[in-house]
């Protein structure tokens, strides 16, 4: 399973529709707008956490 966080001005529907052309019939796509002003993590590599701190705040 792959997961991504992106900062964009596109809507969830626009992102889903774009990604649909890159997946197989048995793949799934879930796109949601999330609030990154309040988050916490545990046991996540620092190299993954650092971009969240600098990109979204």
PDB file of N, CA and C in Angstrom:
ATOM      1  N   UNK A   1       0.845  -1.165   0.000  1.00  0.00           N
ATOM      2  CA  UNK A   1       0.000   0.000   0.000  1.00  0.00           C
ATOM      3  C   UNK A   1       0.897   1.236   0.000  1.00  0.00           C
ATOM      4  N   UNK A   2       0.545   2.188  -0.815  1.00  0.00           N
ATOM      5  CA  UNK A   2       1.266   3.462  -0.871  1.00  0.00           C
ATOM      6  C   UNK A   2       0.379   4.560  -0.318  1.00  0.00           C
ATOM      7  N   UNK A   3       0.999   5.499   0.367  1.00  0.00           N
ATOM      8  CA  UNK A   3       0.269   6.635   0.924  1.00  0.00           C
ATOM      9  C   UNK A   3       1.054   7.898   0.624  1.00  0.00           C
ATOM     10  N   UNK A   4       0.325   8.958   0.325  1.00  0.00           N
ATOM     11  CA  UNK A   4       0.968  10.220  -0.011  1.00  0.00           C
ATOM     12  C   UNK A   4       0.246  11.366   0.668  1.00  0.00           C
ATOM     13  N   UNK A   5       0.988  12.390   1.027  1.00  0.00           N
ATOM     14  CA  UNK A   5       0.422  13.658   1.479  1.00  0.00           C
ATOM     15  C   UNK A   5       0.906  14.704   0.493  1.00  0.00           C
ATOM     16  N   UNK A   6      -0.020  15.434  -0.079  1.00  0.00           N
ATOM     17  CA  UNK A   6       0.343  16.480  -1.032  1.00  0.00           C
ATOM     18  C   UNK A   6      -0.352  17.774  -0.653  1.00  0.00           C
ATOM     19  N   UNK A   7       0.315  18.859  -0.901  1.00  0.00           N
ATOM     20  CA  UNK A   7      -0.277  20.176  -0.717  1.00  0.00           C
ATOM     21  C   UNK A   7      -0.628  20.690  -2.103  1.00  0.00           C
ATOM     22  N   UNK A   8      -1.904  20.968  -2.334  1.00  0.00           N
ATOM     23  CA  UNK A   8      -2.355  21.325  -3.672  1.00  0.00           C
ATOM     24  C   UNK A   8      -3.599  22.203  -3.610  1.00  0.00           C
ATOM     25  N   UNK A   9      -3.894  22.829  -4.706  1.00  0.00           N
ATOM     26  CA  UNK A   9      -5.133  23.602  -4.817  1.00  0.00           C
ATOM     27  C   UNK A   9      -6.218  22.806  -5.535  1.00  0.00           C
ATOM     28  N   UNK A  10      -5.877  21.598  -5.996  1.00  0.00           N
ATOM     29  CA  UNK A  10      -6.859  20.754  -6.669  1.00  0.00           C
ATOM     30  C   UNK A  10      -7.859  20.180  -5.668  1.00  0.00           C
ATOM     31  N   UNK A  11      -9.051  19.868  -6.157  1.00  0.00           N
ATOM     32  CA  UNK A  11     -10.054  19.229  -5.302  1.00  0.00           C
ATOM     33  C   UNK A  11      -9.753  17.736  -5.192  1.00  0.00           C
ATOM     34  N   UNK A  12     -10.369  17.106  -4.217  1.00  0.00           N
ATOM     35  CA  UNK A  12     -10.204  15.660  -4.059  1.00  0.00           C
ATOM     36  C   UNK A  12     -10.653  14.919  -5.307  1.00  0.00           C
ATOM     37  N   UNK A  13     -11.740  15.352  -5.895  1.00  0.00           N
ATOM     38  CA  UNK A  13     -12.251  14.711  -7.113  1.00  0.00           C
ATOM     39  C   UNK A  13     -11.279  14.858  -8.275  1.00  0.00           C
ATOM     40  N   UNK A  14     -10.685  16.019  -8.406  1.00  0.00           N
ATOM     41  CA  UNK A  14      -9.721  16.237  -9.486  1.00  0.00           C
ATOM     42  C   UNK A  14      -8.498  15.329  -9.326  1.00  0.00           C
ATOM     43  N   UNK A  15      -8.031  15.187  -8.112  1.00  0.00           N
ATOM     44  CA  UNK A  15      -6.876  14.325  -7.856  1.00  0.00           C
ATOM     45  C   UNK A  15      -7.236  12.870  -8.136  1.00  0.00           C
ATOM     46  N   UNK A  16      -8.387  12.436  -7.646  1.00  0.00           N
ATOM     47  CA  UNK A  16      -8.839  11.066  -7.903  1.00  0.00           C
ATOM     48  C   UNK A  16      -8.921  10.780  -9.395  1.00  0.00           C
ATOM     49  N   UNK A  17      -9.544  11.678 -10.120  1.00  0.00           N
ATOM     50  CA  UNK A  17      -9.710  11.475 -11.557  1.00  0.00           C
ATOM     51  C   UNK A  17      -8.369  11.414 -12.276  1.00  0.00           C
ATOM     52  N   UNK A  18      -7.428  12.223 -11.854  1.00  0.00           N
ATOM     53  CA  UNK A  18      -6.091  12.190 -12.447  1.00  0.00           C
ATOM     54  C   UNK A  18      -5.406  10.850 -12.173  1.00  0.00           C
ATOM     55  N   UNK A  19      -5.490  10.384 -10.937  1.00  0.00           N
ATOM     56  CA  UNK A  19      -4.798   9.156 -10.554  1.00  0.00           C
ATOM     57  C   UNK A  19      -5.413   7.901 -11.162  1.00  0.00           C
ATOM     58  N   UNK A  20      -6.687   7.942 -11.485  1.00  0.00           N
ATOM     59  CA  UNK A  20      -7.375   6.762 -12.021  1.00  0.00           C
ATOM     60  C   UNK A  20      -6.706   6.205 -13.267  1.00  0.00           C
ATOM     61  N   UNK A  21      -6.093   7.037 -14.049  1.00  0.00           N
ATOM     62  CA  UNK A  21      -5.461   6.554 -15.279  1.00  0.00           C
ATOM     63  C   UNK A  21      -4.136   5.825 -15.011  1.00  0.00           C
ATOM     64  N   UNK A  22      -3.677   5.833 -13.768  1.00  0.00           N
ATOM     65  CA  UNK A  22      -2.405   5.200 -13.426  1.00  0.00           C
ATOM     66  C   UNK A  22      -2.553   3.935 -12.580  1.00  0.00           C
ATOM     67  N   UNK A  23      -3.772   3.516 -12.292  1.00  0.00           N
ATOM     68  CA  UNK A  23      -3.973   2.350 -11.434  1.00  0.00           C
ATOM     69  C   UNK A  23      -4.637   1.216 -12.210  1.00  0.00           C
ATOM     70  N   UNK A  24      -4.499   0.016 -11.682  1.00  0.00           N
ATOM     71  CA  UNK A  24      -5.144  -1.158 -12.255  1.00  0.00           C
ATOM     72  C   UNK A  24      -6.564  -1.287 -11.716  1.00  0.00           C
ATOM     73  N   UNK A  25      -7.332  -2.188 -12.326  1.00  0.00           N
ATOM     74  CA  UNK A  25      -8.731  -2.365 -11.936  1.00  0.00           C
ATOM     75  C   UNK A  25      -8.893  -2.865 -10.503  1.00  0.00           C
ATOM     76  N   UNK A  26      -7.868  -3.499  -9.942  1.00  0.00           N
ATOM     77  CA  UNK A  26      -7.973  -4.014  -8.576  1.00  0.00           C
ATOM     78  C   UNK A  26      -7.311  -3.098  -7.540  1.00  0.00           C
ATOM     79  N   UNK A  27      -6.853  -1.926  -7.954  1.00  0.00           N
ATOM     80  CA  UNK A  27      -6.285  -0.938  -7.033  1.00  0.00           C
ATOM     81  C   UNK A  27      -7.396  -0.061  -6.468  1.00  0.00           C
ATOM     82  N   UNK A  28      -7.100   0.594  -5.372  1.00  0.00           N
ATOM     83  CA  UNK A  28      -8.053   1.538  -4.787  1.00  0.00           C
ATOM     84  C   UNK A  28      -7.390   2.897  -4.633  1.00  0.00           C
ATOM     85  N   UNK A  29      -8.224   3.914  -4.642  1.00  0.00           N
ATOM     86  CA  UNK A  29      -7.773   5.294  -4.440  1.00  0.00           C
ATOM     87  C   UNK A  29      -8.684   5.915  -3.390  1.00  0.00           C
ATOM     88  N   UNK A  30      -8.086   6.575  -2.422  1.00  0.00           N
ATOM     89  CA  UNK A  30      -8.847   7.339  -1.436  1.00  0.00           C
ATOM     90  C   UNK A  30      -8.171   8.695  -1.314  1.00  0.00           C
ATOM     91  N   UNK A  31      -8.916   9.762  -1.555  1.00  0.00           N
ATOM     92  CA  UNK A  31      -8.383  11.119  -1.485  1.00  0.00           C
ATOM     93  C   UNK A  31      -9.240  11.903  -0.504  1.00  0.00           C
ATOM     94  N   UNK A  32      -8.598  12.621   0.410  1.00  0.00           N
ATOM     95  CA  UNK A  32      -9.333  13.413   1.390  1.00  0.00           C
ATOM     96  C   UNK A  32      -8.542  14.662   1.738  1.00  0.00           C
ATOM     97  N   UNK A  33      -9.259  15.715   2.047  1.00  0.00           N
ATOM     98  CA  UNK A  33      -8.627  16.930   2.550  1.00  0.00           C
ATOM     99  C   UNK A  33      -8.435  16.743   4.051  1.00  0.00           C
ATOM    100  N   UNK A  34      -7.218  16.981   4.518  1.00  0.00           N
ATOM    101  CA  UNK A  34      -6.946  16.810   5.941  1.00  0.00           C
ATOM    102  C   UNK A  34      -6.364  18.094   6.522  1.00  0.00           C
ATOM    103  N   UNK A  35      -6.547  18.269   7.808  1.00  0.00           N
ATOM    104  CA  UNK A  35      -6.030  19.434   8.521  1.00  0.00           C
ATOM    105  C   UNK A  35      -4.697  19.059   9.153  1.00  0.00           C
ATOM    106  N   UNK A  36      -3.630  19.626   8.642  1.00  0.00           N
ATOM    107  CA  UNK A  36      -2.312  19.308   9.173  1.00  0.00           C
ATOM    108  C   UNK A  36      -1.843  20.314  10.220  1.00  0.00           C
ATOM    109  N   UNK A  37      -2.771  21.077  10.766  1.00  0.00           N
ATOM    110  CA  UNK A  37      -2.405  22.003  11.833  1.00  0.00           C
ATOM    111  C   UNK A  37      -2.321  21.303  13.179  1.00  0.00           C
ATOM    112  N   UNK A  38      -2.905  20.124  13.279  1.00  0.00           N
ATOM    113  CA  UNK A  38      -2.891  19.368  14.531  1.00  0.00           C
ATOM    114  C   UNK A  38      -2.622  17.906  14.198  1.00  0.00           C
ATOM    115  N   UNK A  39      -1.415  17.451  14.450  1.00  0.00           N
ATOM    116  CA  UNK A  39      -1.069  16.071  14.148  1.00  0.00           C
ATOM    117  C   UNK A  39      -0.024  15.579  15.134  1.00  0.00           C
ATOM    118  N   UNK A  40       0.093  14.286  15.232  1.00  0.00           N
ATOM    119  CA  UNK A  40       1.089  13.661  16.096  1.00  0.00           C
ATOM    120  C   UNK A  40       1.520  12.360  15.435  1.00  0.00           C
ATOM    121  N   UNK A  41       2.690  11.890  15.803  1.00  0.00           N
ATOM    122  CA  UNK A  41       3.172  10.639  15.232  1.00  0.00           C
ATOM    123  C   UNK A  41       3.928   9.857  16.293  1.00  0.00           C
ATOM    124  N   UNK A  42       4.111   8.590  16.010  1.00  0.00           N
ATOM    125  CA  UNK A  42       4.896   7.725  16.881  1.00  0.00           C
ATOM    126  C   UNK A  42       5.684   6.757  16.013  1.00  0.00           C
ATOM    127  N   UNK A  43       6.945   6.646  16.275  1.00  0.00           N
ATOM    128  CA  UNK A  43       7.803   5.679  15.611  1.00  0.00           C
ATOM    129  C   UNK A  43       7.858   5.888  14.092  1.00  0.00           C
ATOM    130  N   UNK A  44       7.772   7.128  13.684  1.00  0.00           N
ATOM    131  CA  UNK A  44       7.883   7.478  12.268  1.00  0.00           C
ATOM    132  C   UNK A  44       9.285   8.045  12.053  1.00  0.00           C
ATOM    133  N   UNK A  45       9.926   7.620  10.983  1.00  0.00           N
ATOM    134  CA  UNK A  45      11.282   8.085  10.712  1.00  0.00           C
ATOM    135  C   UNK A  45      11.329   9.613  10.643  1.00  0.00           C
ATOM    136  N   UNK A  46      12.364  10.185  11.232  1.00  0.00           N
ATOM    137  CA  UNK A  46      12.514  11.639  11.269  1.00  0.00           C
ATOM    138  C   UNK A  46      12.518  12.246   9.871  1.00  0.00           C
ATOM    139  N   UNK A  47      13.080  11.530   8.903  1.00  0.00           N
ATOM    140  CA  UNK A  47      13.125  12.050   7.532  1.00  0.00           C
ATOM    141  C   UNK A  47      11.723  12.190   6.932  1.00  0.00           C
ATOM    142  N   UNK A  48      10.738  11.518   7.501  1.00  0.00           N
ATOM    143  CA  UNK A  48       9.357  11.663   7.047  1.00  0.00           C
ATOM    144  C   UNK A  48       8.622  12.757   7.812  1.00  0.00           C
ATOM    145  N   UNK A  49       9.002  12.964   9.059  1.00  0.00           N
ATOM    146  CA  UNK A  49       8.340  13.960   9.899  1.00  0.00           C
ATOM    147  C   UNK A  49       8.828  15.371   9.583  1.00  0.00           C
ATOM    148  N   UNK A  50      10.109  15.539   9.330  1.00  0.00           N
ATOM    149  CA  UNK A  50      10.672  16.869   9.089  1.00  0.00           C
ATOM    150  C   UNK A  50       9.969  17.633   7.966  1.00  0.00           C
ATOM    151  N   UNK A  51       9.697  17.012   6.824  1.00  0.00           N
ATOM    152  CA  UNK A  51       8.994  17.763   5.772  1.00  0.00           C
ATOM    153  C   UNK A  51       7.597  18.227   6.193  1.00  0.00           C
ATOM    154  N   UNK A  52       6.936  17.464   7.039  1.00  0.00           N
ATOM    155  CA  UNK A  52       5.617  17.894   7.519  1.00  0.00           C
ATOM    156  C   UNK A  52       5.735  19.172   8.336  1.00  0.00           C
ATOM    157  N   UNK A  53       6.783  19.264   9.126  1.00  0.00           N
ATOM    158  CA  UNK A  53       6.984  20.446   9.964  1.00  0.00           C
ATOM    159  C   UNK A  53       7.305  21.680   9.131  1.00  0.00           C
ATOM    160  N   UNK A  54       8.068  21.520   8.067  1.00  0.00           N
ATOM    161  CA  UNK A  54       8.503  22.681   7.291  1.00  0.00           C
ATOM    162  C   UNK A  54       7.575  23.029   6.139  1.00  0.00           C
ATOM    163  N   UNK A  55       6.897  22.055   5.576  1.00  0.00           N
ATOM    164  CA  UNK A  55       6.064  22.297   4.400  1.00  0.00           C
ATOM    165  C   UNK A  55       4.698  22.851   4.758  1.00  0.00           C
ATOM    166  N   UNK A  56       4.130  22.400   5.836  1.00  0.00           N
ATOM    167  CA  UNK A  56       2.744  22.728   6.132  1.00  0.00           C
ATOM    168  C   UNK A  56       2.574  23.763   7.232  1.00  0.00           C
ATOM    169  N   UNK A  57       3.682  24.238   7.820  1.00  0.00           N
ATOM    170  CA  UNK A  57       3.547  25.214   8.907  1.00  0.00           C
ATOM    171  C   UNK A  57       4.359  26.444   8.638  1.00  0.00           C
TER     172      UNK A  57
END
